[in-house]
Amino acid sequence: MTEAVAVASGEFTIGGDLTVRRLGYGTMQLPGPGVWGESRDPDEAVRVLRRAVELGINFIDTADAYGPFTADLLLKKALHPYADDLVIATKAGFTRSGPGRWAEVGRPEYLRQAVELSLRHLGLERIDLLQLHRIDPKVPVADQVGELADLQAEGKIRHIGLSQVSVEEIQEAAKTATIVSVQNLYNLAQRDDEPVLEYAEQNNLGFIPWFPLATGELAKAGGPLDAIAKDHEASPSQLALAWLLKRSPVMLPIPGTSSVVHLEDNVDAARLELTDEEFTKLTEAVGR
């Protein structure tokens, strides 16, 4: 596979001026177990990032909390200086105290420090898309989003997004700043955030589903994914990604992996076209 396969996933323009291929890549699996510490294979991690770009991916999602900082530093090592069309989205708002441990911190001074560190670790002068990793319930939303808006006015952030939020929280944040994207848990088997996706469609917000490959029971032998995947000579993971791409034009899946082989398998999903009948069959295979 040598061509830019991700081009086949189509395009979406974030915030009116950041055009990306809809199938991207997420860096969460690059750090060690529990999204903590150094990569188990830093050389392979670098190869994965470089291969992603070779395959036509120009939208990479990361976060300061991944490691922390491990994924960002690998990104810089692998791809800096960045291609002009590469869009790097990152996140701020979590602190880490160990493997698998996450705590929301949305104090304005902390968010400012996080953005400044991300700029340094990524080697950027401006972050294309800065997403509030979680809304901190102990801090007014206007204070959290307001600090990001101040950083945007200073030229350090291009666009602002949110992560794991409700429609009401998006609307509340939008009173303080323009919100261009939302990143929520969503996949074929877990569709509780359908109302958020529908809101994103109505308002032309990029919808970035995290955990996009949670195929679970559907991937078992004889299940809907298995049967249709065989018809297409595809993997169940490719089918799950193809379903996401067909589900909505604002959908921007970012499957992550620390393996070049798995990356290539995921990206090949861009060429997989489901019929309306297949899409419906998969949609109805699980309840919301």
C-alpha atoms as a PDB file:
ATOM      1  CA  MET A   1       0.000   0.000   0.000  1.00  0.00           C
ATOM      2  CA  THR A   2       1.811   3.108  -1.245  1.00  0.00           C
ATOM      3  CA  GLU A   3      -0.889   5.568  -2.300  1.00  0.00           C
ATOM      4  CA  ALA A   4      -2.601   8.132  -0.078  1.00  0.00           C
ATOM      5  CA  VAL A   5      -5.523   5.844   0.794  1.00  0.00           C
ATOM      6  CA  ALA A   6      -7.035   8.211   3.372  1.00  0.00           C
ATOM      7  CA  VAL A   7      -8.054  10.566   0.552  1.00  0.00           C
ATOM      8  CA  ALA A   8     -10.890   8.153  -0.227  1.00  0.00           C
ATOM      9  CA  SER A   9     -12.522   8.960   3.135  1.00  0.00           C
ATOM     10  CA  GLY A  10     -13.548  12.391   1.857  1.00  0.00           C
ATOM     11  CA  GLU A  11     -13.004  15.784   3.454  1.00  0.00           C
ATOM     12  CA  PHE A  12     -14.492  18.003   6.128  1.00  0.00           C
ATOM     13  CA  THR A  13     -13.641  21.620   6.876  1.00  0.00           C
ATOM     14  CA  ILE A  14     -13.274  22.358  10.588  1.00  0.00           C
ATOM     15  CA  GLY A  15     -14.202  25.880  11.616  1.00  0.00           C
ATOM     16  CA  GLY A  16     -14.569  27.018   8.021  1.00  0.00           C
ATOM     17  CA  ASP A  17     -10.853  26.994   7.194  1.00  0.00           C
ATOM     18  CA  LEU A  18      -9.196  23.710   8.255  1.00  0.00           C
ATOM     19  CA  THR A  19      -9.890  21.098   5.590  1.00  0.00           C
ATOM     20  CA  VAL A  20      -8.961  17.589   6.688  1.00  0.00           C
ATOM     21  CA  ARG A  21      -9.422  14.077   5.375  1.00  0.00           C
ATOM     22  CA  ARG A  22     -12.189  12.509   7.398  1.00  0.00           C
ATOM     23  CA  LEU A  23     -10.227   9.438   8.461  1.00  0.00           C
ATOM     24  CA  GLY A  24      -7.536  10.604  10.876  1.00  0.00           C
ATOM     25  CA  TYR A  25      -5.258   9.146  13.502  1.00  0.00           C
ATOM     26  CA  GLY A  26      -5.285   9.333  17.313  1.00  0.00           C
ATOM     27  CA  THR A  27      -2.108   9.074  19.399  1.00  0.00           C
ATOM     28  CA  MET A  28      -3.575   7.697  22.634  1.00  0.00           C
ATOM     29  CA  GLN A  29      -2.049   4.238  22.153  1.00  0.00           C
ATOM     30  CA  LEU A  30       1.508   5.490  21.706  1.00  0.00           C
ATOM     31  CA  PRO A  31       2.431   5.831  25.433  1.00  0.00           C
ATOM     32  CA  GLY A  32       2.857   2.838  27.737  1.00  0.00           C
ATOM     33  CA  PRO A  33       0.128   0.837  29.514  1.00  0.00           C
ATOM     34  CA  GLY A  34      -2.566   2.953  31.101  1.00  0.00           C
ATOM     35  CA  VAL A  35      -1.626   5.760  28.671  1.00  0.00           C
ATOM     36  CA  TRP A  36       1.304   6.348  31.007  1.00  0.00           C
ATOM     37  CA  GLY A  37       5.039   6.714  30.532  1.00  0.00           C
ATOM     38  CA  GLU A  38       7.229   5.995  27.562  1.00  0.00           C
ATOM     39  CA  SER A  39       6.194   4.013  24.512  1.00  0.00           C
ATOM     40  CA  ARG A  40       6.969   0.301  24.622  1.00  0.00           C
ATOM     41  CA  ASP A  41       8.518   0.699  21.156  1.00  0.00           C
ATOM     42  CA  PRO A  42       9.424   4.335  20.428  1.00  0.00           C
ATOM     43  CA  ASP A  43      10.922   3.491  17.023  1.00  0.00           C
ATOM     44  CA  GLU A  44       7.725   1.775  15.901  1.00  0.00           C
ATOM     45  CA  ALA A  45       5.711   4.730  17.215  1.00  0.00           C
ATOM     46  CA  VAL A  46       7.717   7.068  15.001  1.00  0.00           C
ATOM     47  CA  ARG A  47       7.207   4.729  12.040  1.00  0.00           C
ATOM     48  CA  VAL A  48       3.452   4.684  12.689  1.00  0.00           C
ATOM     49  CA  LEU A  49       3.239   8.487  12.647  1.00  0.00           C
ATOM     50  CA  ARG A  50       5.279   8.821   9.479  1.00  0.00           C
ATOM     51  CA  ARG A  51       3.323   6.044   7.793  1.00  0.00           C
ATOM     52  CA  ALA A  52       0.042   7.732   8.693  1.00  0.00           C
ATOM     53  CA  VAL A  53       1.076  10.814   6.775  1.00  0.00           C
ATOM     54  CA  GLU A  54       2.320   8.719   3.849  1.00  0.00           C
ATOM     55  CA  LEU A  55      -1.118   7.106   3.674  1.00  0.00           C
ATOM     56  CA  GLY A  56      -2.765  10.509   3.272  1.00  0.00           C
ATOM     57  CA  ILE A  57      -3.839  11.237   6.835  1.00  0.00           C
ATOM     58  CA  ASN A  58      -3.616  14.955   7.547  1.00  0.00           C
ATOM     59  CA  PHE A  59      -5.595  15.098  10.807  1.00  0.00           C
ATOM     60  CA  ILE A  60      -3.860  13.864  13.960  1.00  0.00           C
ATOM     61  CA  ASP A  61      -5.458  14.049  17.394  1.00  0.00           C
ATOM     62  CA  THR A  62      -3.327  14.055  20.532  1.00  0.00           C
ATOM     63  CA  ALA A  63      -3.387  15.368  24.121  1.00  0.00           C
ATOM     64  CA  ASP A  64      -0.923  16.611  26.704  1.00  0.00           C
ATOM     65  CA  ALA A  65      -2.283  13.925  29.077  1.00  0.00           C
ATOM     66  CA  TYR A  66      -1.096  11.063  26.859  1.00  0.00           C
ATOM     67  CA  GLY A  67       2.011  10.044  28.746  1.00  0.00           C
ATOM     68  CA  PRO A  68       1.825  12.802  29.874  1.00  0.00           C
ATOM     69  CA  PHE A  69       3.588  14.500  26.954  1.00  0.00           C
ATOM     70  CA  THR A  70       4.863  11.204  25.483  1.00  0.00           C
ATOM     71  CA  ALA A  71       2.635  11.323  22.398  1.00  0.00           C
ATOM     72  CA  ASP A  72       3.375  14.987  21.723  1.00  0.00           C
ATOM     73  CA  LEU A  73       7.127  14.481  21.847  1.00  0.00           C
ATOM     74  CA  LEU A  74       6.892  11.474  19.529  1.00  0.00           C
ATOM     75  CA  LEU A  75       4.806  13.548  17.116  1.00  0.00           C
ATOM     76  CA  LYS A  76       7.422  16.261  17.046  1.00  0.00           C
ATOM     77  CA  LYS A  77      10.241  13.765  16.588  1.00  0.00           C
ATOM     78  CA  ALA A  78       8.466  11.975  13.743  1.00  0.00           C
ATOM     79  CA  LEU A  79       6.944  14.818  11.758  1.00  0.00           C
ATOM     80  CA  HIS A  80       8.449  18.190  12.657  1.00  0.00           C
ATOM     81  CA  PRO A  81       8.725  20.420  10.649  1.00  0.00           C
ATOM     82  CA  TYR A  82       5.126  19.649   9.797  1.00  0.00           C
ATOM     83  CA  ALA A  83       3.606  19.565   6.328  1.00  0.00           C
ATOM     84  CA  ASP A  84       1.558  22.633   5.515  1.00  0.00           C
ATOM     85  CA  ASP A  85      -1.685  20.664   5.296  1.00  0.00           C
ATOM     86  CA  LEU A  86      -1.206  18.677   8.516  1.00  0.00           C
ATOM     87  CA  VAL A  87      -3.756  19.610  11.176  1.00  0.00           C
ATOM     88  CA  ILE A  88      -2.814  18.733  14.751  1.00  0.00           C
ATOM     89  CA  ALA A  89      -5.611  18.751  17.300  1.00  0.00           C
ATOM     90  CA  THR A  90      -4.718  18.495  20.956  1.00  0.00           C
ATOM     91  CA  LYS A  91      -6.476  18.670  24.303  1.00  0.00           C
ATOM     92  CA  ALA A  92      -6.010  20.195  27.751  1.00  0.00           C
ATOM     93  CA  GLY A  93      -7.866  19.785  31.023  1.00  0.00           C
ATOM     94  CA  PHE A  94      -6.704  16.514  32.557  1.00  0.00           C
ATOM     95  CA  THR A  95      -3.938  15.923  35.072  1.00  0.00           C
ATOM     96  CA  ARG A  96      -2.307  12.518  35.461  1.00  0.00           C
ATOM     97  CA  SER A  97      -1.070  10.877  38.667  1.00  0.00           C
ATOM     98  CA  GLY A  98      -0.381   7.386  37.367  1.00  0.00           C
ATOM     99  CA  PRO A  99      -1.400   4.695  34.852  1.00  0.00           C
ATOM    100  CA  GLY A 100      -5.102   4.859  34.100  1.00  0.00           C
ATOM    101  CA  ARG A 101      -5.637   7.769  36.493  1.00  0.00           C
ATOM    102  CA  TRP A 102      -7.238  10.968  35.166  1.00  0.00           C
ATOM    103  CA  ALA A 103      -8.500  14.062  37.001  1.00  0.00           C
ATOM    104  CA  GLU A 104     -10.234  17.076  35.484  1.00  0.00           C
ATOM    105  CA  VAL A 105      -8.597  20.432  36.160  1.00  0.00           C
ATOM    106  CA  GLY A 106     -10.140  23.407  34.408  1.00  0.00           C
ATOM    107  CA  ARG A 107      -8.701  26.311  36.369  1.00  0.00           C
ATOM    108  CA  PRO A 108      -7.784  29.054  33.880  1.00  0.00           C
ATOM    109  CA  GLU A 109      -4.146  29.229  35.015  1.00  0.00           C
ATOM    110  CA  TYR A 110      -3.766  25.477  34.557  1.00  0.00           C
ATOM    111  CA  LEU A 111      -5.316  25.506  31.083  1.00  0.00           C
ATOM    112  CA  ARG A 112      -2.993  28.339  30.063  1.00  0.00           C
ATOM    113  CA  GLN A 113       0.041  26.418  31.292  1.00  0.00           C
ATOM    114  CA  ALA A 114      -1.142  23.295  29.455  1.00  0.00           C
ATOM    115  CA  VAL A 115      -1.481  25.179  26.174  1.00  0.00           C
ATOM    116  CA  GLU A 116       1.935  26.782  26.562  1.00  0.00           C
ATOM    117  CA  LEU A 117       3.510  23.376  27.239  1.00  0.00           C
ATOM    118  CA  SER A 118       1.725  21.832  24.261  1.00  0.00           C
ATOM    119  CA  LEU A 119       3.058  24.555  21.995  1.00  0.00           C
ATOM    120  CA  ARG A 120       6.563  23.798  23.231  1.00  0.00           C
ATOM    121  CA  HIS A 121       6.327  20.006  23.137  1.00  0.00           C
ATOM    122  CA  LEU A 122       4.746  19.951  19.688  1.00  0.00           C
ATOM    123  CA  GLY A 123       7.006  22.627  18.272  1.00  0.00           C
ATOM    124  CA  LEU A 124       4.141  24.859  17.224  1.00  0.00           C
ATOM    125  CA  GLU A 125       3.490  28.582  17.309  1.00  0.00           C
ATOM    126  CA  ARG A 126      -0.274  28.050  17.157  1.00  0.00           C
ATOM    127  CA  ILE A 127      -2.465  25.036  17.897  1.00  0.00           C
ATOM    128  CA  ASP A 128      -4.949  24.365  15.087  1.00  0.00           C
ATOM    129  CA  LEU A 129      -7.627  22.843  17.332  1.00  0.00           C
ATOM    130  CA  LEU A 130      -7.492  22.949  21.125  1.00  0.00           C
ATOM    131  CA  GLN A 131     -10.167  20.825  22.785  1.00  0.00           C
ATOM    132  CA  LEU A 132     -11.164  21.132  26.428  1.00  0.00           C
ATOM    133  CA  HIS A 133     -10.482  17.516  27.432  1.00  0.00           C
ATOM    134  CA  ARG A 134     -13.218  17.550  30.061  1.00  0.00           C
ATOM    135  CA  ILE A 135     -15.335  20.256  31.619  1.00  0.00           C
ATOM    136  CA  ASP A 136     -14.232  20.616  35.235  1.00  0.00           C
ATOM    137  CA  PRO A 137     -17.429  20.671  37.349  1.00  0.00           C
ATOM    138  CA  LYS A 138     -15.634  22.731  40.019  1.00  0.00           C
ATOM    139  CA  VAL A 139     -14.970  25.657  37.660  1.00  0.00           C
ATOM    140  CA  PRO A 140     -17.551  27.755  35.771  1.00  0.00           C
ATOM    141  CA  VAL A 141     -17.709  26.789  32.112  1.00  0.00           C
ATOM    142  CA  ALA A 142     -17.332  30.437  31.133  1.00  0.00           C
ATOM    143  CA  ASP A 143     -14.014  30.625  33.012  1.00  0.00           C
ATOM    144  CA  GLN A 144     -12.626  27.502  31.337  1.00  0.00           C
ATOM    145  CA  VAL A 145     -13.732  28.323  27.819  1.00  0.00           C
ATOM    146  CA  GLY A 146     -12.998  32.003  28.410  1.00  0.00           C
ATOM    147  CA  GLU A 147      -9.332  31.269  29.057  1.00  0.00           C
ATOM    148  CA  LEU A 148      -9.152  29.315  25.801  1.00  0.00           C
ATOM    149  CA  ALA A 149     -10.818  32.255  24.036  1.00  0.00           C
ATOM    150  CA  ASP A 150      -8.176  34.581  25.498  1.00  0.00           C
ATOM    151  CA  LEU A 151      -5.429  32.290  24.187  1.00  0.00           C
ATOM    152  CA  GLN A 152      -7.200  32.272  20.835  1.00  0.00           C
ATOM    153  CA  ALA A 153      -7.218  36.076  20.779  1.00  0.00           C
ATOM    154  CA  GLU A 154      -3.489  35.996  21.518  1.00  0.00           C
ATOM    155  CA  GLY A 155      -2.910  33.828  18.440  1.00  0.00           C
ATOM    156  CA  LYS A 156      -1.935  30.673  20.335  1.00  0.00           C
ATOM    157  CA  ILE A 157      -5.094  28.732  19.437  1.00  0.00           C
ATOM    158  CA  ARG A 158      -6.809  28.708  16.054  1.00  0.00           C
ATOM    159  CA  HIS A 159     -10.051  26.930  16.947  1.00  0.00           C
ATOM    160  CA  ILE A 160     -11.718  25.632  20.122  1.00  0.00           C
ATOM    161  CA  GLY A 161     -13.425  22.277  20.590  1.00  0.00           C
ATOM    162  CA  LEU A 162     -14.917  20.262  23.456  1.00  0.00           C
ATOM    163  CA  SER A 163     -14.641  16.647  24.573  1.00  0.00           C
ATOM    164  CA  GLN A 164     -17.225  14.337  26.168  1.00  0.00           C
ATOM    165  CA  VAL A 165     -20.010  16.867  26.506  1.00  0.00           C
ATOM    166  CA  SER A 166     -23.790  17.054  26.223  1.00  0.00           C
ATOM    167  CA  VAL A 167     -25.729  19.271  23.848  1.00  0.00           C
ATOM    168  CA  GLU A 168     -26.505  21.586  26.752  1.00  0.00           C
ATOM    169  CA  GLU A 169     -22.819  21.898  27.624  1.00  0.00           C
ATOM    170  CA  ILE A 170     -21.946  22.742  24.014  1.00  0.00           C
ATOM    171  CA  GLN A 171     -24.597  25.453  24.040  1.00  0.00           C
ATOM    172  CA  GLU A 172     -23.307  26.800  27.357  1.00  0.00           C
ATOM    173  CA  ALA A 173     -19.706  26.917  26.091  1.00  0.00           C
ATOM    174  CA  ALA A 174     -20.834  28.598  22.873  1.00  0.00           C
ATOM    175  CA  LYS A 175     -21.971  31.609  24.906  1.00  0.00           C
ATOM    176  CA  THR A 176     -18.292  32.355  25.577  1.00  0.00           C
ATOM    177  CA  ALA A 177     -16.476  31.233  22.405  1.00  0.00           C
ATOM    178  CA  THR A 178     -17.099  29.745  18.982  1.00  0.00           C
ATOM    179  CA  ILE A 179     -17.053  25.957  19.267  1.00  0.00           C
ATOM    180  CA  VAL A 180     -16.109  24.084  16.073  1.00  0.00           C
ATOM    181  CA  SER A 181     -15.863  20.442  17.142  1.00  0.00           C
ATOM    182  CA  VAL A 182     -16.835  17.879  19.735  1.00  0.00           C
ATOM    183  CA  GLN A 183     -15.039  14.645  20.626  1.00  0.00           C
ATOM    184  CA  ASN A 184     -17.295  12.093  22.346  1.00  0.00           C
ATOM    185  CA  LEU A 185     -17.378   8.344  22.906  1.00  0.00           C
ATOM    186  CA  TYR A 186     -19.186   6.912  19.890  1.00  0.00           C
ATOM    187  CA  ASN A 187     -18.984   3.786  17.777  1.00  0.00           C
ATOM    188  CA  LEU A 188     -21.204   1.204  16.130  1.00  0.00           C
ATOM    189  CA  ALA A 189     -21.900  -0.542  19.425  1.00  0.00           C
ATOM    190  CA  GLN A 190     -22.072   2.550  21.676  1.00  0.00           C
ATOM    191  CA  ARG A 191     -24.348   5.284  20.384  1.00  0.00           C
ATOM    192  CA  ASP A 192     -25.616   6.977  23.527  1.00  0.00           C
ATOM    193  CA  ASP A 193     -24.382  10.317  22.199  1.00  0.00           C
ATOM    194  CA  GLU A 194     -26.555  10.235  19.078  1.00  0.00           C
ATOM    195  CA  PRO A 195     -28.190  13.560  20.139  1.00  0.00           C
ATOM    196  CA  VAL A 196     -24.761  15.215  20.257  1.00  0.00           C
ATOM    197  CA  LEU A 197     -23.928  13.880  16.796  1.00  0.00           C
ATOM    198  CA  GLU A 198     -27.239  15.190  15.463  1.00  0.00           C
ATOM    199  CA  TYR A 199     -26.526  18.597  17.013  1.00  0.00           C
ATOM    200  CA  ALA A 200     -23.082  18.567  15.392  1.00  0.00           C
ATOM    201  CA  GLU A 201     -24.655  17.834  12.011  1.00  0.00           C
ATOM    202  CA  GLN A 202     -27.165  20.644  12.399  1.00  0.00           C
ATOM    203  CA  ASN A 203     -24.431  23.135  13.332  1.00  0.00           C
ATOM    204  CA  ASN A 204     -21.630  21.856  11.074  1.00  0.00           C
ATOM    205  CA  LEU A 205     -19.382  20.898  13.976  1.00  0.00           C
ATOM    206  CA  GLY A 206     -16.749  18.246  13.436  1.00  0.00           C
ATOM    207  CA  PHE A 207     -17.692  15.121  15.421  1.00  0.00           C
ATOM    208  CA  ILE A 208     -14.600  13.156  16.477  1.00  0.00           C
ATOM    209  CA  PRO A 209     -15.608   9.745  17.856  1.00  0.00           C
ATOM    210  CA  TRP A 210     -13.140   8.356  20.347  1.00  0.00           C
ATOM    211  CA  PHE A 211     -12.963   4.583  20.894  1.00  0.00           C
ATOM    212  CA  PRO A 212     -14.234   4.113  17.311  1.00  0.00           C
ATOM    213  CA  LEU A 213     -13.327   0.410  17.091  1.00  0.00           C
ATOM    214  CA  ALA A 214     -15.231  -0.977  20.089  1.00  0.00           C
ATOM    215  CA  THR A 215     -16.855  -3.646  17.976  1.00  0.00           C
ATOM    216  CA  GLY A 216     -17.253  -6.072  20.895  1.00  0.00           C
ATOM    217  CA  GLU A 217     -19.826  -8.804  20.344  1.00  0.00           C
ATOM    218  CA  LEU A 218     -20.428  -7.686  16.760  1.00  0.00           C
ATOM    219  CA  ALA A 219     -16.944  -8.817  15.716  1.00  0.00           C
ATOM    220  CA  LYS A 220     -17.466 -12.412  16.836  1.00  0.00           C
ATOM    221  CA  ALA A 221     -17.544 -15.211  14.285  1.00  0.00           C
ATOM    222  CA  GLY A 222     -20.947 -15.383  12.644  1.00  0.00           C
ATOM    223  CA  GLY A 223     -21.992 -11.915  13.776  1.00  0.00           C
ATOM    224  CA  PRO A 224     -23.088  -9.052  11.479  1.00  0.00           C
ATOM    225  CA  LEU A 225     -19.615  -7.528  11.234  1.00  0.00           C
ATOM    226  CA  ASP A 226     -18.013 -10.878  10.489  1.00  0.00           C
ATOM    227  CA  ALA A 227     -20.451 -11.802   7.722  1.00  0.00           C
ATOM    228  CA  ILE A 228     -20.400  -8.464   5.895  1.00  0.00           C
ATOM    229  CA  ALA A 229     -16.635  -8.131   6.371  1.00  0.00           C
ATOM    230  CA  LYS A 230     -16.142 -11.440   4.563  1.00  0.00           C
ATOM    231  CA  ASP A 231     -18.312 -10.233   1.692  1.00  0.00           C
ATOM    232  CA  HIS A 232     -15.999  -7.238   1.312  1.00  0.00           C
ATOM    233  CA  GLU A 233     -12.820  -9.217   2.051  1.00  0.00           C
ATOM    234  CA  ALA A 234     -12.304  -6.734   4.869  1.00  0.00           C
ATOM    235  CA  SER A 235     -11.619  -6.873   8.601  1.00  0.00           C
ATOM    236  CA  PRO A 236     -14.338  -6.195  11.206  1.00  0.00           C
ATOM    237  CA  SER A 237     -12.406  -3.069  12.242  1.00  0.00           C
ATOM    238  CA  GLN A 238     -12.491  -1.744   8.694  1.00  0.00           C
ATOM    239  CA  LEU A 239     -16.224  -2.358   8.604  1.00  0.00           C
ATOM    240  CA  ALA A 240     -16.739  -0.472  11.875  1.00  0.00           C
ATOM    241  CA  LEU A 241     -14.812   2.507  10.495  1.00  0.00           C
ATOM    242  CA  ALA A 242     -16.667   2.382   7.171  1.00  0.00           C
ATOM    243  CA  TRP A 243     -19.946   2.482   9.127  1.00  0.00           C
ATOM    244  CA  LEU A 244     -18.807   5.611  10.972  1.00  0.00           C
ATOM    245  CA  LEU A 245     -17.768   7.359   7.756  1.00  0.00           C
ATOM    246  CA  LYS A 246     -21.138   6.583   6.169  1.00  0.00           C
ATOM    247  CA  ARG A 247     -23.107   7.540   9.276  1.00  0.00           C
ATOM    248  CA  SER A 248     -22.488  11.278   8.975  1.00  0.00           C
ATOM    249  CA  PRO A 249     -20.571  13.763   6.808  1.00  0.00           C
ATOM    250  CA  VAL A 250     -19.286  15.512   9.959  1.00  0.00           C
ATOM    251  CA  MET A 251     -17.826  12.278  11.378  1.00  0.00           C
ATOM    252  CA  LEU A 252     -14.030  12.300  11.791  1.00  0.00           C
ATOM    253  CA  PRO A 253     -12.869   8.902  13.116  1.00  0.00           C
ATOM    254  CA  ILE A 254      -9.376   8.831  14.629  1.00  0.00           C
ATOM    255  CA  PRO A 255      -8.510   5.149  15.190  1.00  0.00           C
ATOM    256  CA  GLY A 256      -5.269   4.800  17.098  1.00  0.00           C
ATOM    257  CA  THR A 257      -2.660   2.074  17.113  1.00  0.00           C
ATOM    258  CA  SER A 258       0.996   1.564  17.956  1.00  0.00           C
ATOM    259  CA  SER A 259       1.517  -0.843  15.028  1.00  0.00           C
ATOM    260  CA  VAL A 260       2.171   0.002  11.383  1.00  0.00           C
ATOM    261  CA  VAL A 261       0.368  -3.185  10.315  1.00  0.00           C
ATOM    262  CA  HIS A 262      -2.776  -2.235  12.235  1.00  0.00           C
ATOM    263  CA  LEU A 263      -2.548   1.335  10.979  1.00  0.00           C
ATOM    264  CA  GLU A 264      -2.529   0.172   7.373  1.00  0.00           C
ATOM    265  CA  ASP A 265      -5.512  -2.096   8.016  1.00  0.00           C
ATOM    266  CA  ASN A 266      -7.457   0.769   9.606  1.00  0.00           C
ATOM    267  CA  VAL A 267      -6.689   3.284   6.881  1.00  0.00           C
ATOM    268  CA  ASP A 268      -7.753   0.844   4.170  1.00  0.00           C
ATOM    269  CA  ALA A 269     -11.285   1.279   5.544  1.00  0.00           C
ATOM    270  CA  ALA A 270     -11.406   4.546   3.592  1.00  0.00           C
ATOM    271  CA  ARG A 271     -11.846   2.508   0.405  1.00  0.00           C
ATOM    272  CA  LEU A 272     -14.679   0.379   1.794  1.00  0.00           C
ATOM    273  CA  GLU A 273     -18.138   1.469   0.651  1.00  0.00           C
ATOM    274  CA  LEU A 274     -21.164   0.047   2.403  1.00  0.00           C
ATOM    275  CA  THR A 275     -24.488  -0.259   0.635  1.00  0.00           C
ATOM    276  CA  ASP A 276     -27.506   1.336   2.290  1.00  0.00           C
ATOM    277  CA  GLU A 277     -28.748  -2.163   3.101  1.00  0.00           C
ATOM    278  CA  GLU A 278     -25.475  -3.128   4.772  1.00  0.00           C
ATOM    279  CA  PHE A 279     -25.398   0.124   6.713  1.00  0.00           C
ATOM    280  CA  THR A 280     -28.943  -0.441   7.974  1.00  0.00           C
ATOM    281  CA  LYS A 281     -28.196  -4.048   8.909  1.00  0.00           C
ATOM    282  CA  LEU A 282     -25.209  -2.993  10.972  1.00  0.00           C
ATOM    283  CA  THR A 283     -27.096  -0.072  12.536  1.00  0.00           C
ATOM    284  CA  GLU A 284     -29.907  -2.348  13.635  1.00  0.00           C
ATOM    285  CA  ALA A 285     -27.568  -5.055  14.937  1.00  0.00           C
ATOM    286  CA  VAL A 286     -27.330  -3.262  18.290  1.00  0.00           C
ATOM    287  CA  GLY A 287     -29.701  -0.982  20.179  1.00  0.00           C
ATOM    288  CA  ARG A 288     -28.799   2.545  21.116  1.00  0.00           C
END
